[in-house]
Amino acid sequence: MTEYVLGIDTSAYTTSIALVDANNNKIVADKRKVLLVPFGQKGLRQQDAVFQHLKNFHELYGEIETDFKNIKTVAVSSRPRNIDGSYMPVFTVGQNYGKIIAKTLDCSYIEYSHQENHIAASLFNGYKSINDKILAIHMSGGTTEFLSVKKAHKGYSSEILGGTKDITFGQLIDRIGTMMEFPFPCGIHMEEYLENKKTDVIIKTPAIRKEPYINLSGMENYYGNLYTQKNYSKQDIIISLFNYVAQCILNIIEQIKHEFDFENIIIAGGVASNSTIRNLILENLKHEYNIILPERQNSSDNAVGTAFLPIIDRWYNEIKTY
């Protein structure tokens, strides 16, 4: 019998809908639309993002061509993190649409967090048996968190072990990118700008504090000054910035490993799609840990992970009964 899971995620900057076949884990549909941010702005107000989600959702949903009677579960990212009190208005759009669709189709409805969505998207390609000893690094426009993660009866439980105290890695990249007049969100455009460009210039950066939590606002001023003073080319600054973020990640992992026993490292979120950052982490850690990176398109905000979560739950709970 054909059984589909419909996943919905309405995050701060992307409307996402995915349909996954629960029998073979095949993605039947993957629809996304990045929210429009006016040029020069560093983000969107929640009410503006909600309005765009309302407009985008019915367009994306209308593009899905399937027999909707095969949808047996609707899974929704209803909040940022899997903790009490976690809330952002943007997620109520997907939550409300999901409830209506589930009621109309007379199928089951289940809620997860946006963070769990990113974890599941990283595990989509064959990591069925990984349930514990996980360090998950979630890096996006609004989040930099290093998490101790365990499989729970539903979704994943997590505890924050490290991260940034002020701005996030994504905000640091976006703020420097906006200064350089790249479209927001800037990371992907900055990376495209570097295509086929190399540099032998090494920019000396301040030492990274050897702590699990670090501050980045000083580095925003540091790289901003480098750019405005025109002592270095745009490409030199971008390469240095990406390398600095990677070194921060490696430093925090080094601090955490003395307190937390982990074997698997999941690296998720939009910042994790950056090839420079991915490659540096892999080069430094691949012989010590099992590094799990989602496909680049599933590092950014998506609904594939949300659709996959009920399937992971089923695997996990079936294994526990053996």
Protein backbone atom coordinates (compact mmCIF):
# COMPACT_ATOMS: atom_id res chain seq x y z
CA MET A 1 0.00 0.00 0.00
CA THR A 2 1.35 3.44 -0.93
CA GLU A 3 1.92 5.60 2.14
CA TYR A 4 3.12 9.17 1.91
CA VAL A 5 4.19 11.59 4.62
CA LEU A 6 3.61 15.28 3.90
CA GLY A 7 6.17 17.53 5.58
CA ILE A 8 5.65 21.27 6.11
CA ASP A 9 8.19 23.83 7.34
CA THR A 10 7.56 27.59 7.31
CA SER A 11 10.79 29.01 8.68
CA ALA A 12 12.12 32.54 8.95
CA TYR A 13 13.20 32.67 5.31
CA THR A 14 11.80 29.68 3.38
CA THR A 15 8.40 28.13 2.69
CA SER A 16 8.92 24.37 2.29
CA ILE A 17 6.66 21.39 1.49
CA ALA A 18 7.91 17.83 0.92
CA LEU A 19 6.26 14.51 0.20
CA VAL A 20 8.13 11.31 1.11
CA ASP A 21 7.13 7.72 0.33
CA ALA A 22 7.35 5.94 3.70
CA ASN A 23 7.81 2.54 2.03
CA ASN A 24 11.05 3.33 0.23
CA ASN A 25 12.11 6.75 1.60
CA LYS A 26 11.83 8.24 -1.85
CA ILE A 27 11.21 11.97 -2.13
CA VAL A 28 8.05 12.30 -4.21
CA ALA A 29 7.94 16.11 -4.10
CA ASP A 30 10.20 18.82 -2.70
CA LYS A 31 8.86 22.34 -3.09
CA ARG A 32 10.55 25.42 -1.63
CA LYS A 33 10.42 29.15 -2.03
CA VAL A 34 12.83 31.54 -0.36
CA LEU A 35 11.15 34.60 1.12
CA LEU A 36 11.96 37.92 -0.52
CA VAL A 37 14.11 40.31 1.51
CA PRO A 38 14.36 43.89 0.16
CA PHE A 39 17.86 44.69 -1.11
CA GLY A 40 20.11 46.06 1.62
CA GLN A 41 18.02 44.76 4.51
CA LYS A 42 19.46 42.19 6.92
CA GLY A 43 16.27 40.21 7.48
CA LEU A 44 12.48 40.23 7.64
CA ARG A 45 10.03 41.19 10.34
CA GLN A 46 7.93 38.22 11.44
CA GLN A 47 4.68 39.74 10.16
CA ASP A 48 6.22 40.24 6.70
CA ALA A 49 7.51 36.67 6.67
CA VAL A 50 4.09 35.33 7.74
CA PHE A 51 2.41 37.22 4.88
CA GLN A 52 4.83 35.73 2.33
CA HIS A 53 4.32 32.21 3.72
CA LEU A 54 0.56 32.59 3.30
CA LYS A 55 1.08 33.58 -0.32
CA ASN A 56 3.72 30.95 -1.08
CA PHE A 57 2.07 27.97 0.56
CA HIS A 58 -0.94 27.54 -1.69
CA GLU A 59 1.28 28.05 -4.76
CA LEU A 60 3.72 25.31 -3.72
CA TYR A 61 0.96 22.97 -2.55
CA GLY A 62 -0.76 23.40 -5.90
CA GLU A 63 2.40 22.26 -7.70
CA ILE A 64 2.32 18.82 -6.05
CA GLU A 65 0.89 16.25 -8.45
CA THR A 66 -0.09 13.06 -6.65
CA ASP A 67 -3.05 11.11 -5.35
CA PHE A 68 -3.56 12.90 -2.04
CA LYS A 69 -5.44 9.87 -0.69
CA ASN A 70 -2.01 8.25 -0.28
CA ILE A 71 -1.00 10.84 2.32
CA LYS A 72 -1.33 9.04 5.65
CA THR A 73 0.56 11.50 7.87
CA VAL A 74 1.04 15.27 7.92
CA ALA A 75 4.18 16.32 9.82
CA VAL A 76 4.81 19.98 10.64
CA SER A 77 7.63 22.07 12.10
CA SER A 78 5.60 24.01 14.66
CA ARG A 79 8.35 25.72 16.69
CA PRO A 80 12.09 26.49 16.54
CA ARG A 81 13.34 24.04 19.19
CA ASN A 82 11.99 21.02 21.03
CA ILE A 83 11.57 22.76 24.38
CA ASP A 84 8.64 24.30 26.24
CA GLY A 85 8.01 27.90 25.29
CA SER A 86 9.84 27.77 21.97
CA TYR A 87 7.83 29.93 19.57
CA MET A 88 8.05 32.00 16.39
CA PRO A 89 4.99 33.33 14.52
CA VAL A 90 6.22 32.06 11.14
CA PHE A 91 5.73 28.43 12.17
CA THR A 92 2.03 28.95 12.88
CA VAL A 93 1.43 29.23 9.12
CA GLY A 94 2.59 25.68 8.46
CA GLN A 95 0.97 24.51 11.67
CA ASN A 96 -2.47 25.82 10.66
CA TYR A 97 -2.25 24.61 7.07
CA GLY A 98 -1.08 21.20 8.30
CA LYS A 99 -4.03 20.81 10.65
CA ILE A 100 -6.48 21.73 7.88
CA ILE A 101 -4.90 19.32 5.39
CA ALA A 102 -4.83 16.45 7.92
CA LYS A 103 -8.46 17.06 8.85
CA THR A 104 -9.50 17.20 5.19
CA LEU A 105 -7.63 14.00 4.31
CA ASP A 106 -8.67 12.28 7.56
CA CYS A 107 -5.05 11.33 8.29
CA SER A 108 -2.75 11.61 11.29
CA TYR A 109 -1.12 14.89 12.26
CA ILE A 110 2.14 15.28 14.19
CA GLU A 111 4.34 18.22 15.20
CA TYR A 112 8.12 18.49 15.52
CA SER A 113 10.57 21.36 15.86
CA HIS A 114 12.48 23.09 13.09
CA GLN A 115 15.73 21.95 14.70
CA GLU A 116 14.62 18.30 14.61
CA ASN A 117 13.80 18.82 10.95
CA HIS A 118 17.42 19.77 10.26
CA ILE A 119 18.71 16.75 12.19
CA ALA A 120 16.44 14.36 10.27
CA ALA A 121 17.35 15.92 6.91
CA SER A 122 20.98 15.11 7.70
CA LEU A 123 20.08 11.47 8.37
CA PHE A 124 17.90 11.01 5.29
CA ASN A 125 20.46 9.10 3.24
CA GLY A 126 21.05 5.87 5.12
CA TYR A 127 21.79 6.69 8.76
CA LYS A 128 18.98 4.61 10.20
CA SER A 129 20.90 3.16 13.14
CA ILE A 130 22.37 6.38 14.57
CA ASN A 131 20.38 7.10 17.72
CA ASP A 132 22.84 8.34 20.33
CA LYS A 133 26.36 9.65 20.96
CA ILE A 134 25.46 12.48 18.58
CA LEU A 135 26.81 16.01 18.58
CA ALA A 136 24.52 18.05 16.33
CA ILE A 137 25.72 21.46 15.17
CA HIS A 138 22.82 23.61 13.99
CA MET A 139 24.00 26.73 12.17
CA SER A 140 21.53 29.00 10.43
CA GLY A 141 20.68 32.69 10.16
CA GLY A 142 19.27 32.81 13.68
CA THR A 143 20.92 29.85 15.42
CA THR A 144 24.37 28.62 16.36
CA GLU A 145 23.97 25.71 18.78
CA PHE A 146 26.10 22.67 19.55
CA LEU A 147 23.75 20.01 20.87
CA SER A 148 23.95 16.69 22.66
CA VAL A 149 21.23 14.76 20.80
CA LYS A 150 19.43 11.50 21.55
CA LYS A 151 16.57 9.75 19.83
CA ALA A 152 13.33 10.02 21.79
CA HIS A 153 10.04 8.18 21.36
CA LYS A 154 9.00 11.10 19.15
CA GLY A 155 11.72 13.07 17.44
CA TYR A 156 14.90 13.99 19.29
CA SER A 157 15.75 15.32 22.73
CA SER A 158 18.68 17.71 22.96
CA GLU A 159 20.82 19.70 25.37
CA ILE A 160 22.82 22.77 24.36
CA LEU A 161 26.54 22.34 25.05
CA GLY A 162 28.00 25.32 23.24
CA GLY A 163 27.50 28.00 20.62
CA THR A 164 27.68 31.76 20.27
CA LYS A 165 26.68 34.27 22.93
CA ASP A 166 25.70 37.20 20.74
CA ILE A 167 25.27 36.98 16.97
CA THR A 168 25.29 33.68 15.08
CA PHE A 169 27.65 32.44 12.36
CA GLY A 170 24.90 33.08 9.84
CA GLN A 171 24.41 36.65 11.07
CA LEU A 172 28.14 37.33 10.92
CA ILE A 173 28.29 36.17 7.30
CA ASP A 174 25.09 38.00 6.33
CA ARG A 175 26.15 41.29 7.93
CA ILE A 176 29.50 41.33 6.16
CA GLY A 177 27.80 40.17 2.96
CA THR A 178 25.21 42.95 3.17
CA MET A 179 28.01 45.47 3.65
CA MET A 180 29.54 44.09 0.44
CA GLU A 181 26.14 44.52 -1.28
CA PHE A 182 25.36 40.84 -1.77
CA PRO A 183 21.65 39.86 -1.78
CA PHE A 184 20.29 38.53 1.51
CA PRO A 185 20.72 35.78 2.65
CA CYS A 186 24.29 36.40 1.57
CA GLY A 187 26.24 33.19 2.17
CA ILE A 188 25.35 31.43 -1.07
CA HIS A 189 26.02 34.57 -3.14
CA MET A 190 29.38 35.12 -1.44
CA GLU A 191 30.33 31.53 -2.17
CA GLU A 192 29.30 31.89 -5.81
CA TYR A 193 31.44 35.04 -6.01
CA LEU A 194 34.47 32.97 -4.95
CA GLU A 195 34.00 30.43 -7.75
CA ASN A 196 37.36 29.88 -9.51
CA LYS A 197 38.96 32.53 -7.29
CA LYS A 198 41.90 31.74 -5.03
CA THR A 199 44.18 33.75 -2.78
CA ASP A 200 47.61 33.42 -1.22
CA VAL A 201 46.85 36.26 1.19
CA ILE A 202 46.55 35.26 4.85
CA ILE A 203 44.61 37.71 7.00
CA LYS A 204 45.63 37.53 10.65
CA THR A 205 42.57 37.24 12.88
CA PRO A 206 42.17 37.58 16.66
CA ALA A 207 42.61 34.41 18.68
CA ILE A 208 39.47 32.37 19.33
CA ARG A 209 38.65 31.92 23.01
CA LYS A 210 39.05 28.33 24.10
CA GLU A 211 35.54 28.06 25.47
CA PRO A 212 32.36 26.25 24.35
CA TYR A 213 30.57 29.61 24.03
CA ILE A 214 32.12 32.46 22.06
CA ASN A 215 31.28 36.03 21.01
CA LEU A 216 31.27 37.12 17.36
CA SER A 217 30.15 40.76 17.36
CA GLY A 218 33.78 41.89 17.61
CA MET A 219 34.54 39.95 14.44
CA GLU A 220 31.72 41.78 12.64
CA ASN A 221 33.53 45.03 13.39
CA TYR A 222 36.90 43.49 12.54
CA TYR A 223 35.91 42.28 9.07
CA GLY A 224 33.80 45.37 8.47
CA ASN A 225 36.84 47.56 9.08
CA LEU A 226 38.97 45.43 6.78
CA TYR A 227 36.44 45.97 4.03
CA THR A 228 35.89 49.71 4.50
CA GLN A 229 39.64 50.41 4.77
CA LYS A 230 40.18 48.54 1.48
CA ASN A 231 43.40 46.93 2.66
CA TYR A 232 42.28 43.58 1.28
CA SER A 233 40.23 42.47 -1.71
CA LYS A 234 36.65 41.33 -1.32
CA GLN A 235 37.61 37.73 -2.11
CA ASP A 236 40.44 37.75 0.47
CA ILE A 237 38.04 38.92 3.18
CA ILE A 238 35.33 36.38 2.25
CA ILE A 239 37.81 33.48 2.22
CA SER A 240 39.21 34.58 5.57
CA LEU A 241 35.69 34.92 7.00
CA PHE A 242 34.66 31.41 5.93
CA ASN A 243 37.92 29.97 7.28
CA TYR A 244 37.41 31.81 10.56
CA VAL A 245 33.91 30.35 11.00
CA ALA A 246 35.28 26.86 10.34
CA GLN A 247 38.05 27.38 12.92
CA CYS A 248 35.46 28.56 15.46
CA ILE A 249 33.47 25.38 14.91
CA LEU A 250 36.56 23.20 15.32
CA ASN A 251 37.52 25.10 18.48
CA ILE A 252 34.12 24.65 20.10
CA ILE A 253 34.11 20.92 19.25
CA GLU A 254 37.56 20.65 20.87
CA GLN A 255 36.23 22.23 24.08
CA ILE A 256 33.07 20.12 24.17
CA LYS A 257 34.76 16.76 23.63
CA HIS A 258 36.32 16.92 27.11
CA GLU A 259 32.86 17.05 28.70
CA PHE A 260 30.70 14.96 26.34
CA ASP A 261 31.35 11.55 24.81
CA PHE A 262 30.23 11.54 21.17
CA GLU A 263 31.09 9.53 18.08
CA ASN A 264 28.84 11.12 15.44
CA ILE A 265 28.77 14.77 14.40
CA ILE A 266 25.78 16.08 12.46
CA ILE A 267 26.41 19.44 10.81
CA ALA A 268 23.14 21.04 9.72
CA GLY A 269 21.55 24.34 8.82
CA GLY A 270 22.13 26.84 6.05
CA VAL A 271 25.70 27.69 7.06
CA ALA A 272 26.53 23.97 6.79
CA SER A 273 25.93 24.15 3.03
CA ASN A 274 29.08 26.28 2.63
CA SER A 275 31.67 24.15 0.82
CA THR A 276 34.69 25.89 2.41
CA ILE A 277 33.36 25.28 5.91
CA ARG A 278 32.28 21.70 5.12
CA ASN A 279 35.65 20.79 3.61
CA LEU A 280 37.70 22.21 6.47
CA ILE A 281 35.65 20.36 9.06
CA LEU A 282 35.91 17.10 7.13
CA GLU A 283 39.66 17.48 6.65
CA ASN A 284 40.23 18.02 10.35
CA LEU A 285 37.77 15.57 11.90
CA LYS A 286 37.02 12.73 9.45
CA HIS A 287 39.59 10.41 11.04
CA GLU A 288 38.27 11.00 14.56
CA TYR A 289 34.47 11.07 14.16
CA ASN A 290 31.69 9.95 11.89
CA ILE A 291 30.86 13.25 10.18
CA ILE A 292 27.30 13.42 8.86
CA LEU A 293 26.59 16.14 6.35
CA PRO A 294 23.25 16.40 4.56
CA GLU A 295 23.17 16.96 0.83
CA ARG A 296 23.82 20.65 0.31
CA GLN A 297 20.23 21.37 -0.71
CA ASN A 298 19.06 19.80 2.54
CA SER A 299 21.41 21.88 4.68
CA SER A 300 19.30 24.92 3.96
CA ASP A 301 15.73 25.15 5.26
CA ASN A 302 13.55 22.36 3.93
CA ALA A 303 10.61 20.10 4.76
CA VAL A 304 12.30 16.82 3.79
CA GLY A 305 13.50 16.31 7.37
CA THR A 306 10.04 16.99 8.77
CA ALA A 307 8.51 14.42 6.40
CA PHE A 308 11.23 11.92 7.35
CA LEU A 309 10.79 12.26 11.13
CA PRO A 310 7.67 10.03 11.47
CA ILE A 311 9.51 7.37 9.47
CA ILE A 312 12.54 7.57 11.79
CA ASP A 313 10.18 7.35 14.79
CA ARG A 314 8.68 4.18 13.38
CA TRP A 315 12.12 2.62 12.81
CA TYR A 316 13.29 3.52 16.28
CA ASN A 317 10.22 2.24 18.11
CA GLU A 318 10.18 -0.97 16.07
CA ILE A 319 13.83 -1.59 16.94
CA LYS A 320 13.08 -1.08 20.64
CA THR A 321 10.45 -3.82 20.56
CA TYR A 322 12.82 -6.49 19.20
